Protein backbone atom coordinates (compact mmCIF):
# COMPACT_ATOMS: atom_id res chain seq x y z
CA MET A 1 22.73 21.15 -21.64
CA ARG A 2 19.87 19.03 -20.32
CA ARG A 3 16.74 18.78 -22.44
CA ILE A 4 13.51 20.00 -20.84
CA ARG A 5 10.48 17.81 -21.61
CA TRP A 6 7.90 20.56 -22.12
CA ARG A 7 5.27 18.19 -23.53
CA GLN A 8 5.46 15.99 -20.46
CA GLY A 9 5.06 19.02 -18.19
CA VAL A 10 2.02 20.33 -20.11
CA ARG A 11 0.44 16.87 -20.11
CA SER A 12 1.01 16.53 -16.37
CA GLY A 13 -0.53 19.96 -15.76
CA ILE A 14 -3.64 19.17 -17.81
CA LEU A 15 -4.23 15.75 -16.25
CA THR A 16 -3.67 16.99 -12.70
CA SER A 17 -5.95 20.01 -13.18
CA TRP A 18 -8.68 17.78 -14.59
CA GLU A 19 -8.36 15.27 -11.74
CA LEU A 20 -8.60 17.98 -9.09
CA GLY A 21 -11.37 19.82 -10.90
CA LYS A 22 -13.56 16.71 -10.78
CA VAL A 23 -13.29 16.87 -6.98
CA ILE A 24 -13.38 20.61 -6.35
CA PHE A 25 -16.29 21.62 -8.60
CA PRO A 26 -19.08 19.37 -7.22
CA VAL A 27 -17.98 19.76 -3.59
CA THR A 28 -17.78 23.56 -3.80
CA LEU A 29 -21.10 23.76 -5.65
CA LEU A 30 -22.89 21.63 -3.05
CA VAL A 31 -21.48 23.47 -0.03
CA SER A 32 -22.05 26.90 -1.60
CA ILE A 33 -25.74 26.07 -1.92
CA LEU A 34 -26.04 24.47 1.52
CA GLN A 35 -24.67 27.56 3.27
CA PHE A 36 -27.88 29.41 2.36
CA THR A 37 -30.12 26.71 3.83
CA SER A 38 -31.17 25.86 7.38
CA LEU A 39 -28.49 23.17 7.55
CA ILE A 40 -25.89 25.76 8.58
CA ASP A 41 -28.17 26.97 11.41
CA TRP A 42 -28.62 23.36 12.52
CA LEU A 43 -24.86 22.80 12.61
CA VAL A 44 -24.31 26.02 14.57
CA LEU A 45 -26.96 24.97 17.09
CA GLY A 46 -25.27 21.61 17.56
CA LEU A 47 -21.80 23.10 18.03
CA SER A 48 -22.73 25.99 20.31
CA PRO A 49 -22.53 24.05 23.64
CA ALA A 50 -18.91 23.14 22.93
CA MET A 51 -17.87 26.72 22.21
CA SER A 52 -17.67 27.66 25.90
CA TRP A 53 -14.90 25.09 26.46
CA MET A 54 -12.80 27.04 23.98
CA GLY A 55 -13.60 30.48 25.36
CA LEU A 56 -15.81 31.34 22.39
CA PRO A 57 -19.40 32.60 22.15
CA GLY A 58 -21.98 30.39 20.49
CA GLU A 59 -22.05 32.43 17.28
CA ALA A 60 -18.34 31.69 16.78
CA ALA A 61 -19.51 28.35 15.41
CA ILE A 62 -20.54 30.17 12.21
CA PRO A 63 -17.00 30.96 10.94
CA LEU A 64 -15.88 27.50 12.05
CA VAL A 65 -18.63 25.78 10.08
CA LEU A 66 -18.13 27.93 6.98
CA GLY A 67 -14.34 27.68 7.18
CA ASN A 68 -14.41 23.91 7.52
CA LEU A 69 -16.97 23.38 4.78
CA LEU A 70 -15.65 26.05 2.41
CA ASN A 71 -12.27 27.71 3.02
CA LEU A 72 -10.40 30.20 5.18
CA TYR A 73 -11.78 33.15 3.27
CA ALA A 74 -15.36 32.14 4.09
CA GLY A 75 -14.42 31.74 7.75
CA ILE A 76 -12.70 35.12 7.87
CA GLY A 77 -15.68 36.75 6.18
CA ALA A 78 -17.91 35.38 8.93
CA ILE A 79 -15.54 36.58 11.68
CA LEU A 80 -15.92 40.13 10.39
CA SER A 81 -19.60 40.12 11.34
CA LEU A 82 -18.88 39.20 14.99
CA ASP A 83 -17.81 41.36 17.94
CA LEU A 84 -14.92 39.38 19.40
CA THR A 85 -11.82 39.97 21.49
CA VAL A 86 -8.29 39.58 20.15
CA LYS A 87 -7.95 36.33 22.07
CA GLN A 88 -11.16 34.93 20.62
CA VAL A 89 -10.14 35.87 17.07
CA PHE A 90 -6.72 34.29 17.65
CA ILE A 91 -8.35 31.08 18.86
CA LEU A 92 -10.56 31.01 15.77
CA ALA A 93 -7.53 31.67 13.55
CA VAL A 94 -5.60 28.77 15.09
CA MET A 95 -8.58 26.44 14.76
CA LEU A 96 -9.22 27.42 11.14
CA SER A 97 -5.50 27.08 10.34
CA PHE A 98 -5.63 23.44 11.42
CA SER A 99 -9.10 22.68 10.15
CA HIS A 100 -10.49 24.27 6.98
CA ASN A 101 -11.75 23.26 3.55
CA LEU A 102 -12.13 19.74 4.92
CA LEU A 103 -14.19 18.20 2.15
CA VAL A 104 -11.97 19.19 -0.76
CA GLU A 105 -8.61 18.76 0.96
CA SER A 106 -9.60 15.42 2.51
CA ALA A 107 -10.80 14.23 -0.88
CA VAL A 108 -7.38 15.12 -2.27
CA CYS A 109 -5.74 13.04 0.47
CA ARG A 110 -7.96 10.12 -0.48
CA LYS A 111 -6.48 10.30 -3.98
CA VAL A 112 -3.17 9.11 -2.52
CA GLY A 113 -4.75 6.34 -0.46
CA ILE A 114 -5.21 8.06 2.92
CA PRO A 115 -8.75 7.74 4.36
CA SER A 116 -10.61 11.04 4.33
CA LEU A 117 -12.12 10.44 7.76
CA LEU A 118 -8.65 9.97 9.26
CA VAL A 119 -7.38 13.27 7.87
CA MET A 120 -10.54 15.14 8.85
CA GLY A 121 -10.52 13.64 12.35
CA VAL A 122 -6.88 14.53 13.02
CA ARG A 123 -7.34 18.11 11.85
CA MET A 124 -10.50 18.65 13.89
CA VAL A 125 -8.94 17.15 17.03
CA LEU A 126 -5.85 19.35 16.65
CA ALA A 127 -8.07 22.41 16.24
CA ALA A 128 -10.14 21.62 19.33
CA ILE A 129 -7.17 20.75 21.58
CA SER A 130 -5.19 23.82 20.54
CA ALA A 131 -8.20 26.08 21.18
CA CYS A 132 -8.73 24.69 24.68
CA ILE A 133 -5.04 25.06 25.57
CA ILE A 134 -4.88 28.65 24.34
CA HIS A 135 -8.07 29.49 26.24
CA TRP A 136 -6.71 28.04 29.48
CA VAL A 137 -3.10 29.27 29.19
CA TRP A 138 -3.32 32.74 27.61
CA GLN A 139 -4.67 35.31 30.05
CA GLY A 140 -4.33 38.33 27.76
CA GLY A 141 -6.03 39.43 24.56
CA GLY A 142 -9.14 40.78 26.25
CA GLU A 143 -9.30 43.95 24.16
CA THR A 144 -11.80 44.18 21.32
CA ALA A 145 -10.41 43.03 17.97
CA VAL A 146 -10.01 45.74 15.33
CA TYR A 147 -10.40 44.37 11.81
CA GLY A 148 -8.69 45.57 8.68
CA MET A 149 -10.03 46.27 5.21
CA ILE A 150 -11.38 42.81 4.35
CA PRO A 151 -14.96 43.28 3.13
CA PRO A 152 -17.66 41.13 4.70
CA SER A 153 -19.44 38.51 2.65
CA GLY A 154 -22.26 39.71 0.41
CA THR A 155 -25.97 39.28 0.95
CA PRO A 156 -27.39 35.85 0.10
CA PRO A 157 -29.15 35.50 -3.27
CA ASP A 158 -32.94 35.29 -3.54
CA GLY A 159 -34.42 31.90 -4.41
CA TRP A 160 -32.97 28.64 -5.65
CA PRO A 161 -32.02 29.95 -9.13
CA GLY A 162 -29.89 32.65 -7.54
CA MET A 163 -28.30 30.18 -5.10
CA LEU A 164 -27.58 27.72 -7.92
CA LEU A 165 -26.08 30.44 -10.11
CA GLN A 166 -23.86 31.73 -7.30
CA GLY A 167 -22.86 28.15 -6.45
CA VAL A 168 -21.85 27.44 -10.05
CA GLU A 169 -19.91 30.71 -10.21
CA THR A 170 -18.12 29.94 -6.94
CA ALA A 171 -17.29 26.39 -8.02
CA ALA A 172 -16.12 27.48 -11.48
CA PHE A 173 -13.95 30.23 -9.98
CA GLY A 174 -12.49 27.71 -7.53
CA VAL A 175 -11.54 25.33 -10.33
CA LEU A 176 -10.13 28.19 -12.42
CA GLN A 177 -8.13 29.49 -9.46
CA MET A 178 -6.78 25.99 -8.83
CA THR A 179 -5.86 25.50 -12.49
CA VAL A 180 -4.02 28.83 -12.66
CA VAL A 181 -1.80 27.62 -9.83
CA VAL A 182 -1.55 23.89 -10.55
CA PHE A 183 -0.88 23.99 -14.31
CA PRO A 184 2.22 26.23 -14.26
CA LEU A 185 3.30 24.50 -11.05
CA MET A 186 3.36 21.09 -12.77
CA VAL A 187 5.25 22.55 -15.74
CA ALA A 188 7.75 24.17 -13.36
CA ILE A 189 8.18 20.90 -11.49
CA GLN A 190 8.92 19.11 -14.75
CA ILE A 191 11.55 21.74 -15.54
CA LEU A 192 13.10 21.34 -12.09
CA LYS A 193 13.08 17.56 -12.50
CA ASP A 194 14.77 17.75 -15.88
CA LEU A 195 17.37 20.16 -14.49
CA LEU A 196 17.83 17.87 -11.46
CA TRP A 197 16.99 20.69 -9.03
CA LEU A 198 14.47 18.58 -7.14
CA GLU A 199 17.16 15.98 -6.42
CA ARG A 200 19.42 18.73 -5.12
CA PHE A 201 16.65 20.10 -2.91
CA ALA A 202 15.95 16.60 -1.56
CA GLY A 203 19.59 16.36 -0.51
CA TRP A 204 19.28 19.62 1.45
CA VAL A 205 16.24 18.54 3.44
CA LYS A 206 17.17 14.90 4.10
CA PRO A 207 18.86 15.66 7.45
CA LEU A 208 15.65 17.39 8.61
CA MET A 209 13.36 14.54 7.56
CA ARG A 210 15.18 11.57 9.05
CA PRO A 211 14.63 12.58 12.72
CA LEU A 212 10.91 12.84 11.95
CA GLY A 213 10.82 9.32 10.57
CA ILE A 214 9.81 10.52 7.09
CA ASP A 215 11.00 8.86 3.89
CA THR A 216 13.61 11.26 2.51
CA ARG A 217 12.24 10.84 -1.01
CA GLY A 218 9.17 12.72 0.18
CA SER A 219 10.91 16.10 0.32
CA VAL A 220 9.10 17.30 -2.81
CA ILE A 221 5.73 16.36 -1.33
CA LEU A 222 6.47 18.26 1.88
CA ALA A 223 7.73 21.31 -0.01
CA GLY A 224 4.67 21.41 -2.26
CA GLY A 225 2.28 21.01 0.64
CA LEU A 226 4.02 23.54 2.88
CA LEU A 227 4.14 26.19 0.17
CA PHE A 228 0.93 25.60 -1.77
CA GLY A 229 -1.35 23.64 0.57
CA LEU A 230 -3.19 20.34 0.23
CA ALA A 231 -5.55 21.48 -2.52
CA MET A 232 -3.22 23.68 -4.59
CA GLY A 233 -0.22 21.43 -3.92
CA ALA A 234 -2.21 18.28 -4.64
CA GLY A 235 -0.67 18.00 -8.08
CA VAL A 236 2.75 17.54 -6.53
CA ILE A 237 1.45 15.15 -3.87
CA ILE A 238 -0.52 12.96 -6.29
CA GLU A 239 2.21 12.80 -8.91
CA GLN A 240 4.99 12.06 -6.42
CA ALA A 241 2.90 9.39 -4.68
CA ARG A 242 2.24 7.76 -8.05
CA GLU A 243 5.85 7.92 -9.20
CA LYS A 244 7.69 6.97 -6.00
CA GLY A 245 5.40 4.23 -4.69
CA PHE A 246 5.63 5.15 -1.00
CA THR A 247 4.51 2.68 1.64
CA ARG A 248 1.18 3.33 3.34
CA ARG A 249 3.04 4.17 6.53
CA ASP A 250 5.27 6.80 4.92
CA MET A 251 2.43 8.34 2.92
CA THR A 252 0.25 8.53 6.02
CA VAL A 253 2.98 10.26 8.06
CA MET A 254 3.65 12.82 5.32
CA VAL A 255 -0.02 13.58 4.72
CA LEU A 256 -0.78 13.98 8.42
CA PHE A 257 2.23 16.28 8.82
CA LEU A 258 0.81 18.43 6.02
CA ALA A 259 -2.69 18.14 7.49
CA ALA A 260 -1.37 19.99 10.52
CA CYS A 261 0.86 22.43 8.66
CA HIS A 262 0.37 23.39 5.01
CA ALA A 263 0.26 26.56 2.91
CA VAL A 264 2.16 28.24 5.73
CA VAL A 265 2.73 31.50 3.85
CA GLU A 266 -0.78 32.16 2.53
CA ASP A 267 -2.67 30.67 5.47
CA THR A 268 -0.67 32.83 7.88
CA LEU A 269 -0.61 36.14 6.04
CA ILE A 270 -4.34 36.28 5.35
CA PHE A 271 -5.01 36.61 9.09
CA ILE A 272 -2.97 39.83 9.42
CA PRO A 273 -5.96 42.13 8.66
CA LEU A 274 -7.81 40.61 11.63
CA GLY A 275 -5.38 42.31 14.00
CA ILE A 276 -3.91 39.20 15.64
CA PRO A 277 -0.25 38.14 16.16
CA VAL A 278 0.53 35.88 13.20
CA LEU A 279 4.05 34.76 14.17
CA PRO A 280 2.77 32.73 17.15
CA LEU A 281 0.11 31.33 14.81
CA LEU A 282 2.80 30.06 12.44
CA LEU A 283 4.99 28.69 15.23
CA ILE A 284 2.04 26.83 16.77
CA ARG A 285 1.27 25.12 13.46
CA LEU A 286 4.88 24.14 12.84
CA GLY A 287 5.39 22.95 16.40
CA VAL A 288 2.22 20.85 16.43
CA ALA A 289 3.10 19.30 13.04
CA VAL A 290 6.55 18.29 14.28
CA LEU A 291 5.20 16.86 17.54
CA LEU A 292 2.46 14.97 15.70
CA THR A 293 4.99 13.50 13.26
CA LEU A 294 7.37 12.46 16.04
CA PHE A 295 4.48 10.75 17.83
CA LEU A 296 3.45 8.92 14.66
CA ALA A 297 7.05 7.86 14.01
CA TRP A 298 7.23 6.45 17.54
CA LEU A 299 3.81 4.81 17.33
CA TRP A 300 4.34 3.40 13.82
CA PRO A 301 8.09 2.92 13.27
CA ARG A 302 9.49 2.06 9.88
CA PRO A 303 10.59 -1.59 9.53
CA SER A 304 14.33 -1.93 10.03
CA ASN A 305 14.82 -3.69 6.71
CA THR A 306 13.00 -0.85 4.92
CA VAL A 307 15.20 1.73 6.62
CA SER A 308 18.33 -0.18 5.63
CA ARG A 309 17.25 -0.43 2.01
CA SER A 310 16.35 3.24 2.04
CA ARG A 311 19.83 4.26 3.21
CA ALA A 312 21.50 1.90 0.79
CA ALA A 313 19.51 3.39 -2.09
CA GLY A 314 20.13 6.97 -1.02
CA GLY A 315 16.75 7.49 0.58
CA GLY A 316 14.52 5.23 -1.54
CA VAL A 317 11.95 2.76 -0.32
CA ALA A 318 11.50 -0.54 -2.05
């Protein structure tokens, strides 16, 4: 029977949670305070002219700004205060699926050597292009959206002390929520590694990764990102990037794939109460991620000698 290295798993969970907490806490605190200032109004005013190109009213910039600076839940909370059609809510859902929580998730990507501006730019471009296409192609969805039981966001606190207190509470809860997921995840990954289940899983997904031009050793990174997202799955991404020593090209392709499509279960299901079709939402994200990856593989092919060494080593990259 194989021995499970529990101490190594606990150590990995603690170090990863600490590393992510140092990013998440200050960013969440800052943005939580800024959302109660005039900066948000200024951003909405600047984005309003572009909303008409996407078939959205000017006030639709509010959930986009909050969703991109904070998270999907903040964006959805803002949507609840707007009178929108099903089509408009669907467009917002697609945009927020591609582009949300930019500061934290892009900072996580920077931890593995991918420029934050690159990740943010790709996600925002995908959101804008997809919104324009849906607006021009889809002729239905004109009925008024009927929302579910999600409560709208609370009233803003009075004064700077209240804003600071709420910001600290939000940031602390974000770090705690992340730790609750990341710590047992890292322990579970260590167990799977010791039981050689990750190697078995990598063998299953290798045929799917090769046509996309992705290093087959990156199957664990893709699985973690697809299931848990860039922020919650960052522990897997950071640890695997550190252990496997991927080339910049392979790491960039994997991260940009996940930038377009991550946390597919949670990020899809949370839109159900908004009364929109979620299956097309999921298929759009998956389809765009595949097309983006194929384009990157064509634009930035792997060197032939690297591919040969990878096949000779069973999928490794020197």
